[in-house]
Amino acid sequence: MNKRVIIIILDSLGVGYMEDAKDYHPLDVGANTFYHIIDAVPSLKIPNFERLGINKILHHPKLKNVDNIASYGVLNLMHQGADSFEGHNEIMGTKPKKAYLAPFVENMDQVKRALEKEGYKVTIPNPELPYLLVSDLVIVADNIETDYGQIYNVSAPLDYIPFEEVLKIGQCVRKNVKVNRVIVLGGENVTPEHLQRSVERREDGLVGVNSPKSNVYKQGYQVRHLGFGISPEFQLPTLAKKSGMEVSLIGKMQDVIYCEGANRFPGVDTEQVMKDILHEMDNVKHGVIAATVQETDLAGHAQNPARYADRIEVVDRYLPEILEKMTEQDLLIMSADHGNDPTIGHNQHTREKTYLLVYHKQISPVKIGERKTLSDIAATSAEYLGLNKTENGTSFLQILQKGKRRLTDVFTIDNNA
């Protein structure tokens, strides 16, 4: 019997700040990304999200309360702060490790010496705005779009240097720091001068490239996330692959999750991500299809509710075709990795719970409730597929099975939305 799990993550689409936000992220108290987007863009139309049951979670007066076809709940973040890399790896079954926190300036001299030892020319162009410039092209500095001191970026203009060479620089940085992530990224049609002009100092003192302003995302974008303390062999994709199943990673999911032998489909554009999901539903017969819509997160960083709403609507328009393509042995799980409330007053991730929608043609909707970790997605998927347990997470499959129904009962969804 060929079973598939289809996981769709809308990056940063949180549904309300966590109780511990006051300790981790005091500025996040009051954040509620999905709810506040609807407040800011009341014209938002998401009939298929409504049909699945999103308002069982949001309770927003502008959304319709219709009979839901999906099971629903909310997930808490186990990782510190609110981070896409840690969030995605938690989703796939990794138990988050306590992060080492330090602004890049505290490690800058050590990294500079290590890069020079590897033969690179390394300078500090402006001691008042400290960052490393490698080979007059590549900038090593703080990530100023996420939590303080957790991530360093290695940013490059790819018309001037191959991504493979940038990755070597990033790997040298990774070997010499203990923060939870080093992101190697770059784009085309970006000049070294414009990249350097995009360096900013954040209010808390971090110095780094403003990535959206630098235009690295606009053309020829490439990225690799180099994590610390991640064990892919205990994650859902690797467990599935080692059991002989097929695995496809789509969009940002393939940037942040490592799985040897997986089919990879890079892409930032939401339409393309959704088309790739449909394409892989035609090709993968038994295994895991996991995708991330990244443009929602980019809209959050830009503090642009209208753009955020537009990207959610694009996803909503593709949901009918996805549900139609599902077989009676498919399990669809939709969620997010944290929040990024564009109305909260800052442009970083917000520490929020995430929504959980789970659809199966043979299961009537049930209330899943509130879960302790995003890893419950992977734990449930692994149990459904008959795999070994993931490193982290507790399966909610038994809760879903309470809603098991006759094979002949088929749900419908709005195809004319």
Protein backbone atom coordinates (compact mmCIF):
# COMPACT_ATOMS: atom_id res chain seq x y z
CA MET A 1 0.00 0.00 0.00
CA ASN A 2 1.63 3.23 -1.17
CA LYS A 3 1.28 5.98 1.38
CA ARG A 4 2.45 9.56 1.02
CA VAL A 5 2.80 12.47 3.40
CA ILE A 6 2.58 15.95 1.88
CA ILE A 7 3.87 18.72 4.15
CA ILE A 8 3.33 22.37 3.20
CA ILE A 9 4.91 25.05 5.38
CA LEU A 10 3.97 28.69 4.95
CA ASP A 11 7.10 30.29 6.34
CA SER A 12 6.41 32.57 9.33
CA LEU A 13 2.60 32.36 9.29
CA GLY A 14 2.16 32.31 13.09
CA VAL A 15 -1.14 32.33 14.98
CA GLY A 16 -0.36 34.07 18.27
CA TYR A 17 2.59 34.81 20.53
CA MET A 18 3.81 32.12 22.91
CA GLU A 19 3.62 32.61 26.66
CA ASP A 20 7.41 32.71 26.96
CA ALA A 21 7.75 35.49 24.36
CA LYS A 22 8.09 37.96 27.20
CA ASP A 23 11.35 36.22 28.12
CA TYR A 24 12.70 35.43 24.64
CA HIS A 25 11.25 38.28 22.59
CA PRO A 26 9.54 40.96 24.73
CA LEU A 27 8.73 42.97 21.59
CA ASP A 28 6.70 39.99 20.30
CA VAL A 29 4.06 40.14 23.03
CA GLY A 30 0.81 40.77 21.16
CA ALA A 31 2.02 39.29 17.85
CA ASN A 32 -0.50 37.26 15.84
CA THR A 33 0.68 37.17 12.24
CA PHE A 34 -2.24 35.50 10.46
CA TYR A 35 -4.91 37.36 12.44
CA HIS A 36 -3.27 40.76 12.01
CA ILE A 37 -2.81 40.26 8.26
CA ILE A 38 -6.58 39.77 7.98
CA ASP A 39 -7.07 42.92 10.09
CA ALA A 40 -4.77 44.90 7.80
CA VAL A 41 -6.10 43.42 4.53
CA PRO A 42 -9.84 42.79 5.11
CA SER A 43 -10.28 41.99 1.40
CA LEU A 44 -8.22 38.80 1.83
CA LYS A 45 -10.01 35.84 0.25
CA ILE A 46 -8.99 32.36 1.41
CA PRO A 47 -12.10 30.17 0.91
CA ASN A 48 -10.09 26.96 0.81
CA PHE A 49 -8.22 27.70 4.02
CA GLU A 50 -11.66 28.42 5.50
CA ARG A 51 -12.97 25.10 4.20
CA LEU A 52 -10.04 23.26 5.73
CA GLY A 53 -10.82 24.88 9.07
CA ILE A 54 -8.40 27.74 9.64
CA ASN A 55 -10.99 29.76 11.54
CA LYS A 56 -11.28 26.98 14.11
CA ILE A 57 -7.82 28.26 15.07
CA LEU A 58 -7.95 32.00 14.25
CA HIS A 59 -11.53 32.84 15.31
CA HIS A 60 -11.43 35.94 13.13
CA PRO A 61 -14.77 37.74 12.57
CA LYS A 62 -13.96 38.45 8.91
CA LEU A 63 -13.55 34.77 8.04
CA LYS A 64 -16.44 32.41 7.36
CA ASN A 65 -17.26 29.72 9.88
CA VAL A 66 -17.97 26.77 7.59
CA ASP A 67 -17.89 23.05 8.31
CA ASN A 68 -14.21 22.16 8.37
CA ILE A 69 -12.87 19.17 6.46
CA ALA A 70 -9.45 19.03 8.14
CA SER A 71 -8.34 18.23 11.65
CA TYR A 72 -6.86 21.23 13.42
CA GLY A 73 -4.67 22.35 16.30
CA VAL A 74 -1.69 24.53 17.18
CA LEU A 75 1.99 23.80 17.67
CA ASN A 76 4.47 25.43 20.04
CA LEU A 77 8.10 26.11 19.19
CA MET A 78 10.64 24.10 21.16
CA HIS A 79 13.64 25.94 19.71
CA GLN A 80 14.77 29.21 21.24
CA GLY A 81 13.58 32.48 19.76
CA ALA A 82 12.02 32.18 16.31
CA ASP A 83 14.22 30.85 13.54
CA SER A 84 13.47 29.34 10.13
CA PHE A 85 16.41 26.93 10.05
CA GLU A 86 15.83 25.64 13.57
CA GLY A 87 12.08 25.68 12.97
CA HIS A 88 12.30 23.56 9.84
CA ASN A 89 14.71 21.10 11.41
CA GLU A 90 12.39 20.88 14.41
CA ILE A 91 9.49 20.22 12.01
CA MET A 92 11.49 17.35 10.51
CA GLY A 93 12.11 15.75 13.91
CA THR A 94 15.28 17.27 15.37
CA LYS A 95 15.39 18.12 19.06
CA PRO A 96 16.55 21.75 19.25
CA LYS A 97 19.88 22.37 20.94
CA LYS A 98 20.57 25.38 23.15
CA ALA A 99 22.09 27.99 20.89
CA TYR A 100 25.43 29.72 21.47
CA LEU A 101 24.78 33.44 21.13
CA ALA A 102 27.37 36.02 20.09
CA PRO A 103 27.39 38.99 17.71
CA PHE A 104 29.78 38.45 14.83
CA VAL A 105 32.13 41.16 16.08
CA GLU A 106 33.08 38.82 18.96
CA ASN A 107 34.25 36.16 16.48
CA MET A 108 35.42 38.45 13.68
CA ASP A 109 39.16 38.38 14.41
CA GLN A 110 39.19 34.59 14.72
CA VAL A 111 37.29 34.18 11.44
CA LYS A 112 39.54 36.71 9.73
CA ARG A 113 42.67 34.78 10.73
CA ALA A 114 41.13 31.46 9.61
CA LEU A 115 40.19 32.85 6.19
CA GLU A 116 43.62 34.42 5.74
CA LYS A 117 45.21 31.09 6.61
CA GLU A 118 43.16 29.59 3.75
CA GLY A 119 44.73 32.17 1.41
CA TYR A 120 41.89 34.71 1.17
CA LYS A 121 42.35 38.47 1.19
CA VAL A 122 40.28 39.74 4.13
CA THR A 123 39.70 43.36 5.13
CA ILE A 124 37.52 45.36 7.53
CA PRO A 125 36.49 48.29 5.29
CA ASN A 126 34.86 50.35 8.05
CA PRO A 127 35.82 49.73 11.70
CA GLU A 128 32.84 51.90 12.70
CA LEU A 129 30.52 49.46 10.89
CA PRO A 130 32.52 46.25 11.35
CA TYR A 131 32.20 43.37 8.90
CA LEU A 132 34.63 41.24 6.91
CA LEU A 133 35.11 41.76 3.17
CA VAL A 134 36.62 38.66 1.55
CA SER A 135 38.35 38.88 -1.86
CA ASP A 136 36.84 42.38 -2.23
CA LEU A 137 33.50 40.70 -2.95
CA VAL A 138 32.04 38.56 -0.16
CA ILE A 139 30.65 40.03 3.08
CA VAL A 140 30.75 38.04 6.34
CA ALA A 141 28.61 39.64 9.04
CA ASP A 142 25.62 39.22 11.33
CA ASN A 143 22.23 38.14 10.03
CA ILE A 144 20.11 41.19 10.87
CA GLU A 145 16.77 39.57 9.99
CA THR A 146 16.51 37.13 12.89
CA ASP A 147 17.46 36.51 16.53
CA TYR A 148 20.39 38.29 18.13
CA GLY A 149 23.71 36.51 17.75
CA GLN A 150 22.42 33.18 16.42
CA ILE A 151 23.27 33.45 12.72
CA TYR A 152 26.06 34.80 10.54
CA ASN A 153 25.59 35.51 6.83
CA VAL A 154 28.11 35.07 4.02
CA SER A 155 26.69 37.25 1.22
CA ALA A 156 27.99 37.43 -2.35
CA PRO A 157 27.41 39.01 -5.80
CA LEU A 158 27.27 35.89 -7.96
CA ASP A 159 28.09 37.63 -11.25
CA TYR A 160 31.58 38.15 -9.82
CA ILE A 161 32.27 34.91 -7.94
CA PRO A 162 30.92 31.33 -8.31
CA PHE A 163 28.59 30.11 -5.57
CA GLU A 164 30.88 27.10 -5.03
CA GLU A 165 33.70 29.47 -4.01
CA VAL A 166 31.35 31.40 -1.71
CA LEU A 167 30.37 28.09 -0.12
CA LYS A 168 34.05 27.32 0.61
CA ILE A 169 34.31 30.66 2.41
CA GLY A 170 31.14 29.83 4.34
CA GLN A 171 32.45 26.40 5.33
CA CYS A 172 35.60 28.02 6.71
CA VAL A 173 33.43 30.37 8.77
CA ARG A 174 31.31 27.43 9.95
CA LYS A 175 34.38 25.57 11.24
CA ASN A 176 35.42 28.52 13.35
CA VAL A 177 32.20 29.58 15.07
CA LYS A 178 29.68 27.83 17.33
CA VAL A 179 26.50 29.77 16.56
CA ASN A 180 23.62 27.64 15.37
CA ARG A 181 23.81 28.64 11.70
CA VAL A 182 25.94 30.13 8.97
CA ILE A 183 23.97 31.09 5.86
CA VAL A 184 25.83 31.23 2.54
CA LEU A 185 23.81 33.22 0.02
CA GLY A 186 24.10 35.28 -3.12
CA GLY A 187 22.33 36.59 -6.17
CA GLU A 188 22.98 37.79 -9.71
CA ASN A 189 22.68 41.34 -11.02
CA VAL A 190 24.08 42.60 -7.70
CA THR A 191 27.25 44.69 -7.72
CA PRO A 192 29.86 44.44 -4.95
CA GLU A 193 29.38 48.15 -4.31
CA HIS A 194 25.61 47.83 -3.87
CA LEU A 195 26.11 44.85 -1.59
CA GLN A 196 28.45 46.88 0.62
CA ARG A 197 26.04 49.85 0.63
CA SER A 198 23.37 47.47 1.96
CA VAL A 199 25.25 46.88 5.22
CA GLU A 200 23.34 48.32 8.18
CA ARG A 201 23.53 48.49 11.95
CA ARG A 202 20.45 47.20 13.77
CA GLU A 203 19.12 48.93 16.88
CA ASP A 204 20.57 46.18 19.09
CA GLY A 205 24.03 46.68 17.56
CA LEU A 206 24.19 43.81 15.04
CA VAL A 207 25.86 44.73 11.74
CA GLY A 208 25.01 42.95 8.49
CA VAL A 209 23.66 43.06 4.98
CA ASN A 210 20.01 44.05 4.60
CA SER A 211 19.33 41.11 2.27
CA PRO A 212 16.06 42.35 0.70
CA LYS A 213 17.62 45.77 0.06
CA SER A 214 20.73 44.14 -1.45
CA ASN A 215 18.57 42.50 -4.17
CA VAL A 216 20.18 39.06 -3.71
CA TYR A 217 16.73 37.43 -3.77
CA LYS A 218 15.65 38.92 -7.10
CA GLN A 219 17.70 37.01 -9.69
CA GLY A 220 19.78 33.84 -9.63
CA TYR A 221 19.41 33.43 -5.87
CA GLN A 222 21.37 30.57 -4.31
CA VAL A 223 21.64 29.65 -0.65
CA ARG A 224 23.03 26.97 1.64
CA HIS A 225 22.36 26.77 5.37
CA LEU A 226 25.20 25.32 7.43
CA GLY A 227 23.80 24.16 10.76
CA PHE A 228 25.32 23.22 14.11
CA GLY A 229 24.37 20.02 15.91
CA ILE A 230 21.79 18.77 13.37
CA SER A 231 21.50 14.98 12.84
CA PRO A 232 19.68 14.36 9.52
CA GLU A 233 19.70 10.57 10.03
CA PHE A 234 16.97 10.94 12.67
CA GLN A 235 14.81 13.27 10.59
CA LEU A 236 11.72 12.28 8.61
CA PRO A 237 13.21 12.71 5.08
CA THR A 238 16.31 10.60 5.77
CA LEU A 239 14.31 7.93 7.61
CA ALA A 240 11.98 7.71 4.59
CA LYS A 241 14.83 7.65 2.07
CA LYS A 242 16.71 4.92 3.94
CA SER A 243 13.53 2.84 3.96
CA GLY A 244 13.39 2.93 0.17
CA MET A 245 10.79 5.67 -0.15
CA GLU A 246 10.93 8.71 -2.40
CA VAL A 247 11.59 12.16 -0.92
CA SER A 248 11.06 15.51 -2.63
CA LEU A 249 12.07 18.80 -0.98
CA ILE A 250 10.66 21.95 -2.54
CA GLY A 251 11.38 25.67 -2.15
CA LYS A 252 13.10 26.82 1.02
CA MET A 253 12.65 23.30 2.41
CA GLN A 254 15.48 22.08 0.17
CA ASP A 255 17.66 24.97 1.37
CA VAL A 256 17.44 24.11 5.06
CA ILE A 257 16.88 20.32 5.22
CA TYR A 258 19.62 17.88 4.25
CA CYS A 259 18.63 14.50 2.85
CA GLU A 260 21.03 12.57 0.68
CA GLY A 261 19.37 11.38 -2.51
CA ALA A 262 16.27 13.55 -2.20
CA ASN A 263 14.73 15.23 -5.23
CA ARG A 264 15.38 18.96 -4.80
CA PHE A 265 13.42 21.82 -6.29
CA PRO A 266 14.85 25.23 -5.34
CA GLY A 267 12.68 28.29 -5.70
CA VAL A 268 11.37 31.37 -3.98
CA ASP A 269 8.39 32.22 -6.20
CA THR A 270 5.16 30.98 -4.56
CA GLU A 271 3.48 29.98 -7.84
CA GLN A 272 6.49 27.85 -8.75
CA VAL A 273 6.57 26.17 -5.33
CA MET A 274 2.91 25.21 -5.63
CA LYS A 275 3.39 23.95 -9.20
CA ASP A 276 6.35 21.86 -8.04
CA ILE A 277 4.19 20.29 -5.35
CA LEU A 278 1.62 19.29 -7.97
CA HIS A 279 4.36 18.01 -10.26
CA GLU A 280 5.81 15.80 -7.54
CA MET A 281 2.36 14.50 -6.62
CA ASP A 282 2.32 13.06 -10.14
CA ASN A 283 5.76 11.50 -9.73
CA VAL A 284 6.26 10.42 -6.11
CA LYS A 285 4.24 7.29 -5.45
CA HIS A 286 5.38 6.39 -1.94
CA GLY A 287 7.13 8.69 0.50
CA VAL A 288 7.42 12.35 1.49
CA ILE A 289 6.78 15.59 -0.39
CA ALA A 290 7.78 18.58 1.75
CA ALA A 291 7.61 22.18 0.58
CA THR A 292 8.05 25.66 2.02
CA VAL A 293 6.52 28.88 0.73
CA GLN A 294 9.20 31.49 1.52
CA GLU A 295 7.64 34.67 0.13
CA THR A 296 5.32 34.97 3.12
CA ASP A 297 8.39 35.37 5.35
CA LEU A 298 9.95 37.91 2.99
CA ALA A 299 6.74 39.96 3.17
CA GLY A 300 6.94 39.84 6.96
CA HIS A 301 10.51 41.12 6.94
CA ALA A 302 9.38 43.91 4.61
CA GLN A 303 6.51 44.70 7.03
CA ASN A 304 4.14 44.47 4.07
CA PRO A 305 0.75 42.97 5.04
CA ALA A 306 -0.68 43.40 1.53
CA ARG A 307 2.12 41.39 -0.05
CA TYR A 308 1.78 38.79 2.72
CA ALA A 309 -1.96 38.47 2.05
CA ASP A 310 -1.35 38.14 -1.70
CA ARG A 311 1.04 35.22 -1.18
CA ILE A 312 -1.44 33.44 1.11
CA GLU A 313 -4.12 33.86 -1.57
CA VAL A 314 -1.83 32.26 -4.16
CA VAL A 315 -1.46 29.20 -1.94
CA ASP A 316 -5.21 29.12 -1.35
CA ARG A 317 -5.91 29.06 -5.11
CA TYR A 318 -3.77 25.93 -5.51
CA LEU A 319 -5.33 23.98 -2.65
CA PRO A 320 -8.28 22.52 -4.64
CA GLU A 321 -5.97 20.92 -7.19
CA ILE A 322 -3.73 19.55 -4.45
CA LEU A 323 -6.68 17.98 -2.65
CA GLU A 324 -8.07 16.56 -5.88
CA LYS A 325 -4.74 14.89 -6.63
CA MET A 326 -4.57 13.28 -3.19
CA THR A 327 -5.20 9.56 -3.06
CA GLU A 328 -7.09 7.88 -0.25
CA GLN A 329 -3.72 6.96 1.30
CA ASP A 330 -2.30 10.52 1.33
CA LEU A 331 -1.87 12.62 4.47
CA LEU A 332 -1.65 16.40 4.03
CA ILE A 333 -0.15 18.50 6.85
CA MET A 334 -0.01 22.30 6.69
CA SER A 335 1.72 24.54 9.22
CA ALA A 336 4.42 27.20 9.73
CA ASP A 337 7.79 27.48 11.49
CA HIS A 338 7.29 30.64 13.64
CA GLY A 339 5.71 34.07 13.15
CA ASN A 340 6.72 37.28 11.38
CA ASP A 341 3.95 39.76 12.22
CA PRO A 342 4.27 42.67 9.76
CA THR A 343 2.22 44.91 12.06
CA ILE A 344 4.11 44.40 15.35
CA GLY A 345 6.59 47.26 14.88
CA HIS A 346 9.82 45.46 13.98
CA ASN A 347 10.95 43.44 10.97
CA GLN A 348 12.25 40.28 12.65
CA HIS A 349 10.64 36.90 13.28
CA THR A 350 8.08 36.75 16.06
CA ARG A 351 7.91 33.92 18.59
CA GLU A 352 4.46 32.52 17.82
CA LYS A 353 2.59 29.27 17.86
CA THR A 354 1.82 27.85 14.44
CA TYR A 355 -1.44 26.59 12.97
CA LEU A 356 -1.89 22.89 12.25
CA LEU A 357 -4.24 21.60 9.54
CA VAL A 358 -4.28 17.88 8.72
CA TYR A 359 -6.38 16.38 5.92
CA HIS A 360 -6.99 12.75 4.91
CA LYS A 361 -9.85 11.54 2.72
CA GLN A 362 -10.70 8.68 5.07
CA ILE A 363 -10.58 10.69 8.30
CA SER A 364 -13.29 12.97 9.62
CA PRO A 365 -11.99 16.20 11.19
CA VAL A 366 -11.04 16.08 14.85
CA LYS A 367 -9.58 18.62 17.26
CA ILE A 368 -5.90 17.80 17.70
CA GLY A 369 -5.33 20.42 20.40
CA GLU A 370 -2.17 22.23 21.42
CA ARG A 371 1.14 20.42 20.97
CA LYS A 372 4.52 21.03 22.62
CA THR A 373 6.73 20.96 19.55
CA LEU A 374 6.77 21.37 15.78
CA SER A 375 8.42 17.92 15.70
CA ASP A 376 5.01 16.31 16.20
CA ILE A 377 4.57 16.80 12.43
CA ALA A 378 7.52 14.49 11.70
CA ALA A 379 6.65 12.04 14.48
CA THR A 380 3.10 11.65 13.11
CA SER A 381 4.33 11.35 9.52
CA ALA A 382 6.88 8.71 10.47
CA GLU A 383 4.30 6.62 12.29
CA TYR A 384 1.86 6.96 9.40
CA LEU A 385 4.51 5.74 6.95
CA GLY A 386 5.65 2.93 9.25
CA LEU A 387 9.13 4.39 9.81
CA ASN A 388 11.41 4.44 12.84
CA LYS A 389 10.80 7.21 15.34
CA THR A 390 12.25 10.65 14.78
CA GLU A 391 14.67 12.10 17.34
CA ASN A 392 11.97 14.41 18.70
CA GLY A 393 8.21 14.72 18.76
CA THR A 394 5.10 12.78 19.76
CA SER A 395 2.76 11.40 17.14
CA PHE A 396 -0.87 12.54 17.10
CA LEU A 397 -1.87 9.75 14.68
CA GLN A 398 -4.04 8.04 17.30
CA ILE A 399 -6.02 11.27 17.73
CA LEU A 400 -6.55 11.42 13.96
CA GLN A 401 -7.65 7.80 13.84
CA LYS A 402 -10.56 8.61 16.11
CA GLY A 403 -12.02 10.31 13.06
CA LYS A 404 -11.52 7.38 10.71
CA ARG A 405 -14.46 7.01 8.36
CA ARG A 406 -15.76 4.92 5.46
CA LEU A 407 -13.69 4.85 2.29
CA THR A 408 -16.73 5.96 0.27
CA ASP A 409 -17.11 9.24 2.20
CA VAL A 410 -15.35 11.84 0.09
CA PHE A 411 -14.79 15.48 1.00
CA THR A 412 -15.13 18.31 -1.49
CA ILE A 413 -13.46 21.68 -1.66
CA ASP A 414 -14.29 24.90 -3.48
CA ASN A 415 -12.94 24.65 -7.02
CA ASN A 416 -14.36 28.01 -8.03
CA ALA A 417 -12.60 30.07 -5.39
